[in-house]
Amino acid sequence: MAMNVTTKDTTALSDAELAEMADLCVDREPNFDIGFLSKQREEWVLVTHVREGNKLRGYSFSTLERIGGTPSLLVGLLLVDRNSKSDQTLKSILHDQFRRALLAFPDEDVLLGSRLMAPDGFRAFMGLEDVVPRQGYKPTGEDRAWGRRLAKRFGAEKAIDDQTFVMTVNPGPVGGLDYVAAKGVIPEGSQLHFKGLKPEKGQRLVVFGWAMAEALATGKLPK
């Protein structure tokens, strides 16, 4: 069955939809309950839903904005149902978000930023340029500055280690990208960035990369 993707302003999100979203992880980490999701409705601009028939398979809270003049797609929270179609669900969400980024910032490169809970989340950045952090790359001062900018936008400017890009905030529901690959390839070396990271303790890896204008315009993202 085909996936149906819809995106709307978070102000139009109903309590019934919030309850449906909360049900996707009601019995497991990251425990995005209806109270937490209600706060996300206030903090982000857009909400995306992916449904297979009438069944919700994934959702995301995001915003398109400029950070210091730089076109940015910020994914505050993204959750994918853990089933055999998780890869398709993730691609459906990203495809819609990149399409909207193209409309908002035509002919411009766009920075994608989010917080990851596991190596699988790096699949959201496949096809992007200059992804930070990545295997075998030493971040520059500007990279570290971007880590701090994103941490600030995610509400925890002083909680990030700008050498490892790990954010540590109070335990409890913390936004980020919750996705487990069904059969897709995880970028090589991704696991190294999660050594010792404890997502259940409120730790997240801040990751960003560049969606180039040409790739956006030709529809080559997500990869």
N, C-alpha and C. Protein backbone atom coordinates (compact mmCIF):
# COMPACT_ATOMS: atom_id res chain seq x y z
N MET A 1 0.85 -1.19 0.00
CA MET A 1 0.00 0.00 0.00
C MET A 1 0.88 1.24 0.00
N ALA A 2 0.51 2.23 -0.81
CA ALA A 2 1.30 3.45 -0.94
C ALA A 2 1.27 4.27 0.34
N MET A 3 2.36 5.02 0.55
CA MET A 3 2.45 5.93 1.68
C MET A 3 1.83 7.27 1.30
N ASN A 4 1.06 7.83 2.22
CA ASN A 4 0.45 9.13 2.01
C ASN A 4 1.07 10.13 2.97
N VAL A 5 1.65 11.20 2.43
CA VAL A 5 2.36 12.19 3.24
C VAL A 5 1.59 13.50 3.25
N THR A 6 1.40 14.05 4.44
CA THR A 6 0.75 15.36 4.58
C THR A 6 1.56 16.21 5.54
N THR A 7 1.66 17.50 5.25
CA THR A 7 2.33 18.45 6.13
C THR A 7 1.44 19.66 6.33
N LYS A 8 1.38 20.14 7.55
CA LYS A 8 0.57 21.31 7.86
C LYS A 8 1.20 22.07 9.01
N ASP A 9 0.66 23.25 9.29
CA ASP A 9 1.13 24.04 10.42
C ASP A 9 0.81 23.31 11.72
N THR A 10 1.72 23.38 12.67
CA THR A 10 1.48 22.71 13.95
C THR A 10 0.26 23.27 14.67
N THR A 11 -0.11 24.52 14.39
CA THR A 11 -1.29 25.11 15.04
C THR A 11 -2.57 24.38 14.67
N ALA A 12 -2.53 23.63 13.55
CA ALA A 12 -3.72 22.90 13.11
C ALA A 12 -3.75 21.46 13.64
N LEU A 13 -2.77 21.11 14.47
CA LEU A 13 -2.67 19.75 15.00
C LEU A 13 -3.66 19.55 16.14
N SER A 14 -4.50 18.54 16.01
CA SER A 14 -5.55 18.29 17.01
C SER A 14 -5.04 17.40 18.14
N ASP A 15 -5.76 17.41 19.25
CA ASP A 15 -5.41 16.54 20.37
C ASP A 15 -5.54 15.06 19.99
N ALA A 16 -6.50 14.76 19.12
CA ALA A 16 -6.66 13.37 18.68
C ALA A 16 -5.44 12.92 17.88
N GLU A 17 -4.92 13.81 17.06
CA GLU A 17 -3.71 13.47 16.30
C GLU A 17 -2.52 13.30 17.22
N LEU A 18 -2.41 14.15 18.24
CA LEU A 18 -1.33 14.01 19.21
C LEU A 18 -1.39 12.65 19.90
N ALA A 19 -2.59 12.22 20.26
CA ALA A 19 -2.75 10.92 20.92
C ALA A 19 -2.33 9.79 19.98
N GLU A 20 -2.69 9.91 18.71
CA GLU A 20 -2.31 8.91 17.71
C GLU A 20 -0.79 8.86 17.57
N MET A 21 -0.15 10.02 17.58
CA MET A 21 1.31 10.08 17.48
C MET A 21 1.98 9.47 18.70
N ALA A 22 1.44 9.76 19.87
CA ALA A 22 2.00 9.22 21.11
C ALA A 22 1.92 7.70 21.15
N ASP A 23 0.89 7.14 20.54
CA ASP A 23 0.69 5.69 20.56
C ASP A 23 1.81 4.92 19.84
N LEU A 24 2.56 5.59 18.95
CA LEU A 24 3.61 4.90 18.21
C LEU A 24 4.78 4.48 19.10
N CYS A 25 4.95 5.15 20.25
CA CYS A 25 6.05 4.73 21.14
C CYS A 25 5.57 4.71 22.59
N VAL A 26 4.31 4.34 22.78
CA VAL A 26 3.73 4.37 24.12
C VAL A 26 4.39 3.38 25.07
N ASP A 27 4.96 2.29 24.51
CA ASP A 27 5.52 1.23 25.35
C ASP A 27 7.03 1.08 25.21
N ARG A 28 7.70 2.12 24.72
CA ARG A 28 9.15 2.03 24.52
C ARG A 28 9.77 3.42 24.51
N GLU A 29 11.12 3.43 24.63
CA GLU A 29 11.85 4.67 24.40
C GLU A 29 11.60 5.12 22.96
N PRO A 30 11.53 6.42 22.72
CA PRO A 30 11.88 7.54 23.58
C PRO A 30 10.73 8.12 24.41
N ASN A 31 9.60 7.40 24.46
CA ASN A 31 8.49 7.81 25.32
C ASN A 31 7.99 9.23 25.02
N PHE A 32 7.70 9.49 23.75
CA PHE A 32 7.11 10.77 23.36
C PHE A 32 5.62 10.71 23.70
N ASP A 33 5.29 11.14 24.92
CA ASP A 33 3.89 11.08 25.33
C ASP A 33 3.14 12.32 24.85
N ILE A 34 1.83 12.35 25.08
CA ILE A 34 1.00 13.42 24.54
C ILE A 34 1.34 14.77 25.16
N GLY A 35 1.78 14.78 26.41
CA GLY A 35 2.18 16.04 27.03
C GLY A 35 3.41 16.62 26.37
N PHE A 36 4.39 15.77 26.11
CA PHE A 36 5.62 16.21 25.45
C PHE A 36 5.33 16.67 24.03
N LEU A 37 4.51 15.92 23.31
CA LEU A 37 4.19 16.28 21.94
C LEU A 37 3.41 17.60 21.87
N SER A 38 2.62 17.87 22.88
CA SER A 38 1.90 19.14 22.93
C SER A 38 2.87 20.31 22.99
N LYS A 39 3.97 20.14 23.72
CA LYS A 39 4.99 21.18 23.80
C LYS A 39 5.69 21.35 22.46
N GLN A 40 5.92 20.23 21.75
CA GLN A 40 6.54 20.31 20.43
C GLN A 40 5.65 21.08 19.46
N ARG A 41 4.37 20.94 19.62
CA ARG A 41 3.42 21.68 18.78
C ARG A 41 3.63 23.17 18.91
N GLU A 42 4.04 23.61 20.11
CA GLU A 42 4.27 25.03 20.35
C GLU A 42 5.65 25.50 19.88
N GLU A 43 6.61 24.58 19.82
CA GLU A 43 8.01 24.96 19.54
C GLU A 43 8.37 24.92 18.06
N TRP A 44 7.62 24.15 17.26
CA TRP A 44 7.97 23.99 15.85
C TRP A 44 6.85 24.49 14.96
N VAL A 45 7.15 24.67 13.69
CA VAL A 45 6.21 25.31 12.77
C VAL A 45 5.41 24.31 11.95
N LEU A 46 6.07 23.24 11.50
CA LEU A 46 5.43 22.27 10.61
C LEU A 46 5.38 20.88 11.23
N VAL A 47 4.31 20.16 10.93
CA VAL A 47 4.21 18.77 11.36
C VAL A 47 3.88 17.94 10.13
N THR A 48 4.62 16.84 9.96
CA THR A 48 4.44 15.94 8.82
C THR A 48 3.97 14.59 9.31
N HIS A 49 2.97 14.04 8.63
CA HIS A 49 2.47 12.70 8.95
C HIS A 49 2.64 11.80 7.73
N VAL A 50 3.01 10.55 7.97
CA VAL A 50 3.04 9.54 6.91
C VAL A 50 2.09 8.42 7.33
N ARG A 51 1.13 8.14 6.45
CA ARG A 51 0.16 7.08 6.73
C ARG A 51 0.17 6.04 5.62
N GLU A 52 -0.02 4.82 6.03
CA GLU A 52 -0.22 3.70 5.10
C GLU A 52 -1.67 3.29 5.27
N GLY A 53 -2.51 3.71 4.33
CA GLY A 53 -3.94 3.58 4.54
C GLY A 53 -4.36 4.52 5.66
N ASN A 54 -5.01 3.98 6.68
CA ASN A 54 -5.41 4.78 7.84
C ASN A 54 -4.42 4.69 8.99
N LYS A 55 -3.35 3.91 8.80
CA LYS A 55 -2.39 3.66 9.87
C LYS A 55 -1.25 4.66 9.84
N LEU A 56 -1.03 5.36 10.96
CA LEU A 56 0.10 6.28 11.07
C LEU A 56 1.39 5.49 11.16
N ARG A 57 2.36 5.82 10.28
CA ARG A 57 3.63 5.11 10.25
C ARG A 57 4.81 5.97 10.71
N GLY A 58 4.62 7.27 10.73
CA GLY A 58 5.70 8.13 11.16
C GLY A 58 5.27 9.58 11.16
N TYR A 59 6.05 10.42 11.83
CA TYR A 59 5.73 11.84 11.88
C TYR A 59 6.98 12.65 12.21
N SER A 60 6.89 13.95 11.98
CA SER A 60 8.02 14.82 12.23
C SER A 60 7.55 16.23 12.56
N PHE A 61 8.28 16.90 13.46
CA PHE A 61 8.13 18.32 13.72
C PHE A 61 9.36 19.01 13.15
N SER A 62 9.15 20.07 12.38
CA SER A 62 10.29 20.74 11.75
C SER A 62 9.99 22.22 11.53
N THR A 63 11.00 22.93 11.06
CA THR A 63 10.82 24.32 10.67
C THR A 63 11.83 24.67 9.60
N LEU A 64 11.46 25.60 8.74
CA LEU A 64 12.34 26.16 7.73
C LEU A 64 12.62 27.60 8.13
N GLU A 65 13.87 27.91 8.37
CA GLU A 65 14.22 29.25 8.82
C GLU A 65 15.66 29.55 8.43
N ARG A 66 16.04 30.80 8.62
CA ARG A 66 17.43 31.19 8.39
C ARG A 66 18.12 31.35 9.74
N ILE A 67 19.28 30.73 9.85
CA ILE A 67 20.10 30.90 11.04
C ILE A 67 21.31 31.72 10.63
N GLY A 68 21.37 32.95 11.12
CA GLY A 68 22.45 33.84 10.71
C GLY A 68 22.48 34.05 9.21
N GLY A 69 21.32 34.02 8.58
CA GLY A 69 21.23 34.19 7.14
C GLY A 69 21.31 32.91 6.34
N THR A 70 21.65 31.79 6.98
CA THR A 70 21.81 30.51 6.28
C THR A 70 20.48 29.77 6.20
N PRO A 71 20.02 29.40 5.01
CA PRO A 71 18.80 28.61 4.88
C PRO A 71 18.94 27.28 5.63
N SER A 72 17.98 26.98 6.48
CA SER A 72 18.10 25.80 7.32
C SER A 72 16.78 25.04 7.41
N LEU A 73 16.88 23.73 7.36
CA LEU A 73 15.78 22.82 7.65
C LEU A 73 16.11 22.14 8.96
N LEU A 74 15.38 22.47 9.99
CA LEU A 74 15.65 21.93 11.32
C LEU A 74 14.57 20.91 11.68
N VAL A 75 15.00 19.70 11.98
CA VAL A 75 14.09 18.64 12.37
C VAL A 75 14.19 18.47 13.88
N GLY A 76 13.19 18.99 14.57
CA GLY A 76 13.22 18.94 16.03
C GLY A 76 12.89 17.57 16.57
N LEU A 77 12.03 16.86 15.85
CA LEU A 77 11.62 15.53 16.29
C LEU A 77 11.15 14.76 15.07
N LEU A 78 11.56 13.51 14.98
CA LEU A 78 11.10 12.64 13.90
C LEU A 78 11.04 11.23 14.44
N LEU A 79 9.89 10.59 14.28
CA LEU A 79 9.72 9.23 14.78
C LEU A 79 9.14 8.35 13.69
N VAL A 80 9.72 7.16 13.52
CA VAL A 80 9.28 6.21 12.51
C VAL A 80 8.88 4.91 13.19
N ASP A 81 7.72 4.40 12.82
CA ASP A 81 7.26 3.12 13.36
C ASP A 81 8.28 2.03 13.03
N ARG A 82 8.54 1.17 13.97
CA ARG A 82 9.56 0.13 13.78
C ARG A 82 8.95 -1.11 13.14
N ASN A 83 8.97 -1.10 11.81
CA ASN A 83 8.43 -2.23 11.06
C ASN A 83 9.23 -2.41 9.77
N SER A 84 8.77 -3.27 8.90
CA SER A 84 9.52 -3.59 7.68
C SER A 84 9.56 -2.45 6.68
N LYS A 85 8.75 -1.42 6.87
CA LYS A 85 8.70 -0.29 5.95
C LYS A 85 9.27 0.99 6.55
N SER A 86 10.09 0.84 7.58
CA SER A 86 10.64 2.03 8.23
C SER A 86 11.49 2.87 7.29
N ASP A 87 12.25 2.22 6.39
CA ASP A 87 13.09 2.96 5.45
C ASP A 87 12.24 3.80 4.50
N GLN A 88 11.16 3.22 4.02
CA GLN A 88 10.25 3.92 3.11
C GLN A 88 9.59 5.09 3.82
N THR A 89 9.24 4.89 5.08
CA THR A 89 8.60 5.96 5.85
C THR A 89 9.54 7.13 6.04
N LEU A 90 10.80 6.84 6.41
CA LEU A 90 11.78 7.91 6.59
C LEU A 90 11.98 8.68 5.30
N LYS A 91 12.13 7.99 4.17
CA LYS A 91 12.33 8.66 2.89
C LYS A 91 11.13 9.51 2.52
N SER A 92 9.94 9.05 2.85
CA SER A 92 8.73 9.82 2.54
C SER A 92 8.71 11.14 3.29
N ILE A 93 9.08 11.09 4.57
CA ILE A 93 9.12 12.32 5.36
C ILE A 93 10.17 13.27 4.81
N LEU A 94 11.38 12.77 4.57
CA LEU A 94 12.47 13.61 4.09
C LEU A 94 12.18 14.19 2.71
N HIS A 95 11.60 13.39 1.84
CA HIS A 95 11.28 13.89 0.50
C HIS A 95 10.37 15.10 0.58
N ASP A 96 9.36 15.04 1.43
CA ASP A 96 8.44 16.17 1.57
C ASP A 96 9.15 17.38 2.18
N GLN A 97 10.01 17.13 3.15
CA GLN A 97 10.71 18.24 3.79
C GLN A 97 11.70 18.91 2.83
N PHE A 98 12.43 18.12 2.04
CA PHE A 98 13.35 18.70 1.07
C PHE A 98 12.60 19.45 -0.03
N ARG A 99 11.44 18.94 -0.40
CA ARG A 99 10.62 19.63 -1.40
C ARG A 99 10.21 21.00 -0.90
N ARG A 100 9.83 21.07 0.35
CA ARG A 100 9.43 22.36 0.94
C ARG A 100 10.64 23.28 1.11
N ALA A 101 11.80 22.69 1.40
CA ALA A 101 13.02 23.51 1.51
C ALA A 101 13.34 24.16 0.17
N LEU A 102 13.14 23.42 -0.92
CA LEU A 102 13.37 23.97 -2.25
C LEU A 102 12.43 25.14 -2.53
N LEU A 103 11.18 25.00 -2.13
CA LEU A 103 10.21 26.07 -2.36
C LEU A 103 10.54 27.30 -1.51
N ALA A 104 11.00 27.06 -0.29
CA ALA A 104 11.31 28.17 0.61
C ALA A 104 12.61 28.87 0.25
N PHE A 105 13.58 28.08 -0.24
CA PHE A 105 14.91 28.64 -0.52
C PHE A 105 15.37 28.22 -1.92
N PRO A 106 14.70 28.68 -2.97
CA PRO A 106 15.09 28.27 -4.33
C PRO A 106 16.50 28.73 -4.67
N ASP A 107 17.23 27.84 -5.34
CA ASP A 107 18.59 28.13 -5.80
C ASP A 107 19.59 28.38 -4.67
N GLU A 108 19.30 27.84 -3.48
CA GLU A 108 20.21 28.00 -2.35
C GLU A 108 20.52 26.63 -1.74
N ASP A 109 21.75 26.49 -1.23
CA ASP A 109 22.08 25.31 -0.44
C ASP A 109 21.39 25.42 0.92
N VAL A 110 20.93 24.30 1.44
CA VAL A 110 20.17 24.30 2.69
C VAL A 110 20.83 23.37 3.70
N LEU A 111 21.00 23.86 4.92
CA LEU A 111 21.55 23.04 5.99
C LEU A 111 20.44 22.23 6.65
N LEU A 112 20.66 20.94 6.76
CA LEU A 112 19.76 20.06 7.52
C LEU A 112 20.39 19.78 8.86
N GLY A 113 19.68 20.05 9.95
CA GLY A 113 20.19 19.79 11.29
C GLY A 113 19.18 19.03 12.12
N SER A 114 19.68 18.06 12.89
CA SER A 114 18.81 17.30 13.78
C SER A 114 19.64 16.71 14.91
N ARG A 115 18.98 15.94 15.77
CA ARG A 115 19.64 15.22 16.86
C ARG A 115 19.36 13.74 16.70
N LEU A 116 20.42 12.94 16.74
CA LEU A 116 20.26 11.50 16.53
C LEU A 116 20.36 10.73 17.84
N MET A 117 19.65 9.60 17.87
CA MET A 117 19.66 8.73 19.03
C MET A 117 20.44 7.45 18.79
N ALA A 118 20.68 7.12 17.50
CA ALA A 118 21.35 5.87 17.15
C ALA A 118 21.99 6.03 15.78
N PRO A 119 22.96 5.17 15.42
CA PRO A 119 23.64 5.27 14.12
C PRO A 119 22.69 5.24 12.92
N ASP A 120 21.58 4.54 13.05
CA ASP A 120 20.61 4.44 11.96
C ASP A 120 20.18 5.82 11.47
N GLY A 121 20.15 6.80 12.37
CA GLY A 121 19.70 8.13 12.01
C GLY A 121 20.55 8.80 10.96
N PHE A 122 21.80 8.34 10.79
CA PHE A 122 22.67 8.93 9.77
C PHE A 122 22.14 8.69 8.36
N ARG A 123 21.20 7.75 8.20
CA ARG A 123 20.61 7.54 6.88
C ARG A 123 19.85 8.79 6.41
N ALA A 124 19.39 9.59 7.33
CA ALA A 124 18.69 10.82 6.95
C ALA A 124 19.62 11.81 6.27
N PHE A 125 20.93 11.61 6.44
CA PHE A 125 21.91 12.54 5.90
C PHE A 125 22.64 11.99 4.67
N MET A 126 22.25 10.81 4.21
CA MET A 126 22.87 10.24 3.03
C MET A 126 22.52 11.08 1.81
N GLY A 127 23.53 11.41 1.01
CA GLY A 127 23.32 12.25 -0.16
C GLY A 127 23.62 13.71 0.11
N LEU A 128 23.83 14.07 1.39
CA LEU A 128 24.17 15.45 1.74
C LEU A 128 25.69 15.62 1.71
N GLU A 129 26.12 16.87 1.63
CA GLU A 129 27.54 17.19 1.58
C GLU A 129 28.03 17.67 2.95
N ASP A 130 29.31 17.41 3.22
CA ASP A 130 29.99 17.95 4.40
C ASP A 130 29.23 17.66 5.69
N VAL A 131 28.81 16.40 5.85
CA VAL A 131 28.09 16.01 7.07
C VAL A 131 29.04 16.04 8.26
N VAL A 132 28.58 16.62 9.36
CA VAL A 132 29.37 16.72 10.59
C VAL A 132 28.52 16.23 11.76
N PRO A 133 29.09 15.32 12.59
CA PRO A 133 30.41 14.68 12.49
C PRO A 133 30.38 13.52 11.49
N ARG A 134 31.55 13.10 11.05
CA ARG A 134 31.67 11.95 10.15
C ARG A 134 33.02 11.29 10.37
N GLN A 135 33.13 10.04 9.92
CA GLN A 135 34.33 9.25 10.14
C GLN A 135 35.54 9.89 9.47
N GLY A 136 36.65 9.96 10.23
CA GLY A 136 37.91 10.42 9.69
C GLY A 136 38.02 11.90 9.43
N TYR A 137 37.07 12.68 9.95
CA TYR A 137 37.07 14.12 9.71
C TYR A 137 37.20 14.87 11.03
N LYS A 138 38.13 15.83 11.06
CA LYS A 138 38.30 16.66 12.25
C LYS A 138 37.52 17.96 12.06
N PRO A 139 36.50 18.19 12.86
CA PRO A 139 35.68 19.38 12.71
C PRO A 139 36.48 20.67 12.85
N THR A 140 36.14 21.64 12.03
CA THR A 140 36.78 22.95 12.09
C THR A 140 36.12 23.81 13.17
N GLY A 141 36.69 24.98 13.39
CA GLY A 141 36.08 25.91 14.33
C GLY A 141 34.68 26.32 13.89
N GLU A 142 34.49 26.48 12.58
CA GLU A 142 33.17 26.83 12.07
C GLU A 142 32.18 25.69 12.27
N ASP A 143 32.63 24.44 12.10
CA ASP A 143 31.77 23.28 12.36
C ASP A 143 31.31 23.28 13.82
N ARG A 144 32.25 23.53 14.72
CA ARG A 144 31.90 23.52 16.14
C ARG A 144 30.94 24.66 16.46
N ALA A 145 31.13 25.79 15.79
CA ALA A 145 30.22 26.92 15.98
C ALA A 145 28.81 26.56 15.52
N TRP A 146 28.71 25.82 14.42
CA TRP A 146 27.41 25.37 13.96
C TRP A 146 26.78 24.40 14.96
N GLY A 147 27.58 23.55 15.56
CA GLY A 147 27.06 22.66 16.59
C GLY A 147 26.43 23.44 17.73
N ARG A 148 27.10 24.50 18.15
CA ARG A 148 26.58 25.33 19.25
C ARG A 148 25.31 26.08 18.82
N ARG A 149 25.31 26.56 17.57
CA ARG A 149 24.12 27.27 17.08
C ARG A 149 22.91 26.34 17.08
N LEU A 150 23.12 25.13 16.61
CA LEU A 150 22.01 24.19 16.56
C LEU A 150 21.57 23.78 17.96
N ALA A 151 22.53 23.57 18.85
CA ALA A 151 22.18 23.22 20.23
C ALA A 151 21.33 24.33 20.84
N LYS A 152 21.68 25.57 20.56
CA LYS A 152 20.89 26.70 21.06
C LYS A 152 19.49 26.65 20.50
N ARG A 153 19.37 26.36 19.21
CA ARG A 153 18.04 26.28 18.59
C ARG A 153 17.24 25.11 19.15
N PHE A 154 17.94 24.07 19.58
CA PHE A 154 17.27 22.92 20.18
C PHE A 154 17.03 23.12 21.68
N GLY A 155 17.37 24.31 22.18
CA GLY A 155 17.03 24.66 23.56
C GLY A 155 18.05 24.29 24.60
N ALA A 156 19.31 23.98 24.18
CA ALA A 156 20.30 23.57 25.17
C ALA A 156 21.69 24.00 24.73
N GLU A 157 21.90 25.31 24.58
CA GLU A 157 23.14 25.84 24.03
C GLU A 157 24.37 25.38 24.81
N LYS A 158 24.27 25.35 26.14
CA LYS A 158 25.44 25.02 26.97
C LYS A 158 25.55 23.54 27.27
N ALA A 159 24.67 22.74 26.67
CA ALA A 159 24.66 21.30 26.96
C ALA A 159 25.46 20.48 25.96
N ILE A 160 26.05 21.15 24.95
CA ILE A 160 26.75 20.40 23.91
C ILE A 160 28.26 20.41 24.12
N ASP A 161 28.88 19.27 23.88
CA ASP A 161 30.33 19.16 23.81
C ASP A 161 30.70 19.41 22.34
N ASP A 162 31.29 20.55 22.04
CA ASP A 162 31.52 20.88 20.63
C ASP A 162 32.72 20.16 20.03
N GLN A 163 33.29 19.21 20.76
CA GLN A 163 34.32 18.33 20.20
C GLN A 163 33.70 17.02 19.70
N THR A 164 32.69 16.54 20.43
CA THR A 164 32.04 15.27 20.08
C THR A 164 30.66 15.48 19.48
N PHE A 165 30.07 16.68 19.67
CA PHE A 165 28.73 17.04 19.22
C PHE A 165 27.64 16.29 19.99
N VAL A 166 27.98 15.82 21.16
CA VAL A 166 27.00 15.16 22.03
C VAL A 166 26.37 16.19 22.95
N MET A 167 25.04 16.21 22.94
CA MET A 167 24.27 17.04 23.86
C MET A 167 23.81 16.18 25.03
N THR A 168 23.88 16.74 26.22
CA THR A 168 23.39 16.03 27.40
C THR A 168 22.42 16.94 28.14
N VAL A 169 21.17 16.53 28.17
CA VAL A 169 20.14 17.30 28.86
C VAL A 169 19.47 16.41 29.89
N ASN A 170 18.54 16.99 30.63
CA ASN A 170 17.90 16.23 31.70
C ASN A 170 17.17 15.02 31.13
N PRO A 171 17.23 13.88 31.84
CA PRO A 171 16.49 12.70 31.40
C PRO A 171 15.00 13.01 31.28
N GLY A 172 14.33 12.18 30.51
CA GLY A 172 12.93 12.43 30.23
C GLY A 172 12.78 12.55 28.73
N PRO A 173 11.58 12.79 28.23
CA PRO A 173 11.42 12.94 26.78
C PRO A 173 12.31 14.05 26.24
N VAL A 174 13.15 13.73 25.28
CA VAL A 174 14.03 14.68 24.62
C VAL A 174 13.86 14.48 23.12
N GLY A 175 13.68 15.58 22.38
CA GLY A 175 13.46 15.48 20.95
C GLY A 175 14.64 14.86 20.23
N GLY A 176 14.41 14.49 18.99
CA GLY A 176 15.46 13.90 18.18
C GLY A 176 14.86 13.00 17.12
N LEU A 177 15.73 12.26 16.44
CA LEU A 177 15.32 11.40 15.34
C LEU A 177 15.34 9.95 15.80
N ASP A 178 14.16 9.36 15.90
CA ASP A 178 14.02 7.98 16.36
C ASP A 178 13.65 7.11 15.16
N TYR A 179 14.63 6.33 14.71
CA TYR A 179 14.43 5.52 13.50
C TYR A 179 15.35 4.31 13.58
N VAL A 180 14.80 3.14 13.28
CA VAL A 180 15.59 1.91 13.20
C VAL A 180 15.46 1.37 11.78
N ALA A 181 16.58 1.24 11.09
CA ALA A 181 16.56 0.79 9.69
C ALA A 181 16.03 -0.63 9.58
N ALA A 182 15.21 -0.86 8.56
CA ALA A 182 14.70 -2.21 8.31
C ALA A 182 15.75 -3.05 7.59
N LYS A 183 16.32 -2.50 6.52
CA LYS A 183 17.34 -3.23 5.77
C LYS A 183 18.32 -2.30 5.07
N GLY A 184 18.17 -1.01 5.28
CA GLY A 184 19.03 -0.05 4.61
C GLY A 184 20.44 -0.05 5.16
N VAL A 185 21.36 0.44 4.37
CA VAL A 185 22.77 0.52 4.74
C VAL A 185 22.99 1.70 5.68
N ILE A 186 23.72 1.49 6.76
CA ILE A 186 24.08 2.56 7.68
C ILE A 186 25.45 3.08 7.25
N PRO A 187 25.62 4.39 7.09
CA PRO A 187 26.92 4.93 6.66
C PRO A 187 28.07 4.40 7.51
N GLU A 188 29.16 4.05 6.86
CA GLU A 188 30.32 3.47 7.53
C GLU A 188 30.87 4.40 8.61
N GLY A 189 31.17 3.83 9.74
CA GLY A 189 31.76 4.59 10.84
C GLY A 189 30.77 5.30 11.73
N SER A 190 29.47 5.22 11.41
CA SER A 190 28.46 5.94 12.19
C SER A 190 28.44 5.49 13.64
N GLN A 191 28.69 4.21 13.86
CA GLN A 191 28.61 3.66 15.22
C GLN A 191 29.62 4.31 16.16
N LEU A 192 30.76 4.75 15.60
CA LEU A 192 31.82 5.31 16.44
C LEU A 192 31.35 6.55 17.21
N HIS A 193 30.42 7.31 16.63
CA HIS A 193 29.96 8.54 17.27
C HIS A 193 29.01 8.27 18.44
N PHE A 194 28.58 7.02 18.57
CA PHE A 194 27.62 6.68 19.63
C PHE A 194 28.25 5.84 20.74
N LYS A 195 29.56 5.68 20.67
CA LYS A 195 30.24 4.91 21.71
C LYS A 195 30.09 5.61 23.06
N GLY A 196 29.41 4.96 23.98
CA GLY A 196 29.19 5.52 25.31
C GLY A 196 28.01 6.46 25.40
N LEU A 197 27.37 6.79 24.27
CA LEU A 197 26.22 7.70 24.32
C LEU A 197 25.01 6.98 24.90
N LYS A 198 24.30 7.64 25.79
CA LYS A 198 23.16 7.04 26.48
C LYS A 198 21.89 7.83 26.16
N PRO A 199 21.19 7.44 25.09
CA PRO A 199 19.98 8.18 24.70
C PRO A 199 18.89 8.16 25.78
N GLU A 200 18.85 7.07 26.56
CA GLU A 200 17.84 6.99 27.62
C GLU A 200 18.13 7.94 28.75
N LYS A 201 19.34 8.50 28.78
CA LYS A 201 19.72 9.47 29.80
C LYS A 201 19.65 10.91 29.27
N GLY A 202 19.03 11.08 28.12
CA GLY A 202 18.87 12.42 27.58
C GLY A 202 19.99 12.87 26.68
N GLN A 203 20.87 11.96 26.25
CA GLN A 203 21.97 12.34 25.36
C GLN A 203 21.56 12.18 23.90
N ARG A 204 22.01 13.14 23.08
CA ARG A 204 21.73 13.14 21.65
C ARG A 204 22.98 13.58 20.89
N LEU A 205 23.14 13.11 19.67
CA LEU A 205 24.24 13.54 18.82
C LEU A 205 23.71 14.57 17.84
N VAL A 206 24.25 15.78 17.90
CA VAL A 206 23.85 16.83 16.97
C VAL A 206 24.57 16.60 15.64
N VAL A 207 23.82 16.51 14.56
CA VAL A 207 24.37 16.23 13.24
C VAL A 207 23.80 17.22 12.24
N PHE A 208 24.64 17.66 11.32
CA PHE A 208 24.16 18.55 10.26
C PHE A 208 24.92 18.27 8.97
N GLY A 209 24.31 18.65 7.87
CA GLY A 209 24.92 18.49 6.55
C GLY A 209 24.22 19.40 5.57
N TRP A 210 24.76 19.49 4.37
CA TRP A 210 24.27 20.45 3.38
C TRP A 210 23.57 19.76 2.23
N ALA A 211 22.32 20.16 2.01
CA ALA A 211 21.57 19.76 0.82
C ALA A 211 21.88 20.79 -0.25
N MET A 212 22.60 20.40 -1.29
CA MET A 212 23.02 21.35 -2.30
C MET A 212 21.85 21.74 -3.20
N ALA A 213 21.89 22.96 -3.69
CA ALA A 213 20.79 23.51 -4.48
C ALA A 213 20.46 22.62 -5.68
N GLU A 214 21.49 22.11 -6.36
CA GLU A 214 21.26 21.27 -7.54
C GLU A 214 20.55 19.98 -7.18
N ALA A 215 20.96 19.35 -6.07
CA ALA A 215 20.32 18.10 -5.63
C ALA A 215 18.87 18.35 -5.25
N LEU A 216 18.59 19.46 -4.62
CA LEU A 216 17.21 19.80 -4.27
C LEU A 216 16.38 20.03 -5.52
N ALA A 217 16.94 20.76 -6.47
CA ALA A 217 16.20 21.12 -7.68
C ALA A 217 15.90 19.92 -8.56
N THR A 218 16.79 18.94 -8.56
CA THR A 218 16.61 17.76 -9.41
C THR A 218 15.90 16.62 -8.70
N GLY A 219 15.53 16.82 -7.43
CA GLY A 219 14.80 15.80 -6.69
C GLY A 219 15.64 14.60 -6.32
N LYS A 220 16.96 14.78 -6.18
CA LYS A 220 17.84 13.65 -5.87
C LYS A 220 17.94 13.37 -4.36
N LEU A 221 17.21 14.14 -3.57
CA LEU A 221 17.21 13.91 -2.12
C LEU A 221 15.81 13.53 -1.67
N PRO A 222 15.66 12.60 -0.72
CA PRO A 222 16.74 11.88 -0.06
C PRO A 222 17.34 10.81 -0.98
N LYS A 223 18.58 10.43 -0.67
CA LYS A 223 19.26 9.43 -1.50
C LYS A 223 18.67 8.07 -1.25
